[in-house]
Amino acid sequence: MRLILLALSVVVSLTVPIRADTAGPRAVIEAQIEAFQEDDFEAAFAFASDAIRGIFGTPERFGQMVRQGYPMVYRPAGLRFLDARDREGRLVQRVLVSDQAQRLHLIEYEMIETGAGWRINAVRLLPGGAAGA
């Protein structure tokens, strides 16, 4: 009986999603959004991974992309942190964002831990995430 319970606990532990400590990643996401709200694109750019910074090159180009492509992140009315999961060594944090018109958007932040701390490596607007208020 003990052997069966041990085997069952091993199987369950392998199927439960791995959850990392999310305090650091959440703080980075919040700080970047705060920087956007102050139009401090240099500070917001600092929270991006090296890969993202390499794509956009300058804080100004990065800020322009966010203003045009992610207005709900640029000027959110509210944030609600949802689940976080480990996906192939990267933490994926889902956030429910309310825009200025009170529409809801489901955003997925891919976070990586670097020698300099947590950085945002990708942001995806998930399909079907918007809903009217």
Protein backbone atom coordinates (compact mmCIF):
# COMPACT_ATOMS: atom_id res chain seq x y z
CA MET A 1 0.00 0.00 0.00
CA ARG A 2 2.82 2.42 0.86
CA LEU A 3 4.41 1.73 -2.53
CA ILE A 4 1.17 2.58 -4.32
CA LEU A 5 0.80 5.85 -2.37
CA LEU A 6 4.44 6.75 -3.09
CA ALA A 7 3.99 6.05 -6.80
CA LEU A 8 0.76 8.07 -6.88
CA SER A 9 2.41 11.05 -5.15
CA VAL A 10 5.26 11.00 -7.69
CA VAL A 11 2.79 10.96 -10.61
CA VAL A 12 0.77 13.83 -9.10
CA SER A 13 3.90 15.89 -8.47
CA LEU A 14 4.92 15.49 -12.10
CA THR A 15 1.56 16.67 -13.43
CA VAL A 16 1.06 19.74 -11.21
CA PRO A 17 2.24 22.94 -12.93
CA ILE A 18 5.44 24.35 -11.51
CA ARG A 19 4.89 27.73 -9.93
CA ALA A 20 7.83 30.02 -9.42
CA ASP A 21 8.04 32.88 -6.94
CA THR A 22 6.10 35.61 -8.74
CA ALA A 23 6.77 38.59 -6.46
CA GLY A 24 9.83 39.72 -8.46
CA PRO A 25 8.23 39.35 -11.91
CA ARG A 26 5.04 41.10 -10.77
CA ALA A 27 7.05 44.00 -9.39
CA VAL A 28 8.86 44.35 -12.74
CA ILE A 29 5.59 44.34 -14.70
CA GLU A 30 4.07 46.91 -12.36
CA ALA A 31 7.19 49.10 -12.50
CA GLN A 32 7.23 49.02 -16.30
CA ILE A 33 3.57 50.00 -16.49
CA GLU A 34 4.21 52.79 -13.99
CA ALA A 35 7.04 54.03 -16.21
CA PHE A 36 4.69 54.00 -19.23
CA GLN A 37 2.15 56.05 -17.29
CA GLU A 38 4.84 58.67 -16.69
CA ASP A 39 6.01 58.50 -20.33
CA ASP A 40 9.41 57.41 -19.01
CA PHE A 41 10.29 55.14 -21.91
CA GLU A 42 13.92 54.88 -20.84
CA ALA A 43 12.89 53.33 -17.50
CA ALA A 44 10.28 51.11 -19.21
CA PHE A 45 12.90 49.97 -21.74
CA ALA A 46 15.24 48.97 -18.88
CA PHE A 47 12.72 46.31 -17.78
CA ALA A 48 12.84 44.63 -21.21
CA SER A 49 15.16 41.70 -21.91
CA ASP A 50 18.28 42.12 -24.02
CA ALA A 51 16.48 40.39 -26.89
CA ILE A 52 13.62 42.92 -26.83
CA ARG A 53 16.01 45.85 -26.48
CA GLY A 54 17.94 44.52 -29.46
CA ILE A 55 14.79 44.40 -31.59
CA PHE A 56 13.72 47.98 -30.85
CA GLY A 57 17.10 49.60 -30.36
CA THR A 58 15.95 52.74 -28.54
CA PRO A 59 13.53 53.58 -25.76
CA GLU A 60 11.67 55.90 -28.13
CA ARG A 61 11.01 53.18 -30.71
CA PHE A 62 10.00 50.80 -27.94
CA GLY A 63 7.61 53.39 -26.49
CA GLN A 64 6.08 54.04 -29.91
CA MET A 65 5.42 50.31 -30.37
CA VAL A 66 3.74 50.07 -26.96
CA ARG A 67 1.58 53.18 -27.52
CA GLN A 68 0.40 51.87 -30.89
CA GLY A 69 0.27 48.11 -30.30
CA TYR A 70 -0.58 47.85 -26.60
CA PRO A 71 -2.56 50.96 -25.59
CA MET A 72 -4.16 49.00 -22.75
CA VAL A 73 -0.69 48.44 -21.27
CA TYR A 74 0.44 52.01 -21.99
CA ARG A 75 -2.51 53.52 -20.10
CA PRO A 76 -4.32 50.81 -18.14
CA ALA A 77 -7.27 51.59 -15.92
CA GLY A 78 -6.57 48.50 -13.82
CA LEU A 79 -4.52 45.32 -13.49
CA ARG A 80 -5.29 41.94 -11.98
CA PHE A 81 -2.55 39.34 -11.80
CA LEU A 82 -3.76 35.85 -12.60
CA ASP A 83 -1.83 32.58 -12.76
CA ALA A 84 1.88 32.18 -13.40
CA ARG A 85 3.48 29.07 -14.85
CA ASP A 86 6.91 27.84 -15.77
CA ARG A 87 7.12 27.26 -19.51
CA GLU A 88 10.44 25.83 -20.69
CA GLY A 89 12.46 27.73 -18.10
CA ARG A 90 10.57 30.97 -18.50
CA LEU A 91 7.92 32.28 -16.18
CA VAL A 92 4.67 33.14 -17.94
CA GLN A 93 2.51 35.55 -15.97
CA ARG A 94 -1.06 36.22 -17.13
CA VAL A 95 -2.54 39.63 -16.34
CA LEU A 96 -6.09 40.85 -16.83
CA VAL A 97 -5.85 44.49 -17.93
CA SER A 98 -8.72 46.94 -18.00
CA ASP A 99 -8.29 49.72 -20.56
CA GLN A 100 -9.57 53.30 -20.31
CA ALA A 101 -12.92 52.25 -21.87
CA GLN A 102 -13.23 49.50 -19.22
CA ARG A 103 -12.71 46.70 -21.77
CA LEU A 104 -10.82 43.69 -20.44
CA HIS A 105 -7.73 42.26 -22.13
CA LEU A 106 -5.88 39.07 -21.22
CA ILE A 107 -2.15 39.68 -21.50
CA GLU A 108 0.61 37.10 -21.17
CA TYR A 109 4.03 38.30 -20.00
CA GLU A 110 6.99 36.02 -20.61
CA MET A 111 9.60 36.71 -17.95
CA ILE A 112 13.22 35.61 -17.78
CA GLU A 113 15.58 35.83 -14.84
CA THR A 114 18.92 37.41 -15.68
CA GLY A 115 21.98 38.37 -13.69
CA ALA A 116 20.42 41.84 -13.40
CA GLY A 117 17.08 40.48 -12.17
CA TRP A 118 13.77 39.67 -13.85
CA ARG A 119 13.15 41.07 -17.32
CA ILE A 120 10.16 41.06 -19.66
CA ASN A 121 11.00 38.92 -22.68
CA ALA A 122 7.67 39.00 -24.52
CA VAL A 123 4.14 40.35 -24.17
CA ARG A 124 1.22 38.71 -25.94
CA LEU A 125 -2.38 39.79 -26.18
CA LEU A 126 -4.25 36.51 -25.92
CA PRO A 127 -7.09 35.97 -28.41
CA GLY A 128 -10.57 36.21 -27.05
CA GLY A 129 -9.30 38.09 -24.01
CA ALA A 130 -11.17 41.33 -24.67
CA ALA A 131 -14.65 41.72 -23.32
CA GLY A 132 -16.97 44.68 -23.17
CA ALA A 133 -17.81 46.19 -19.81
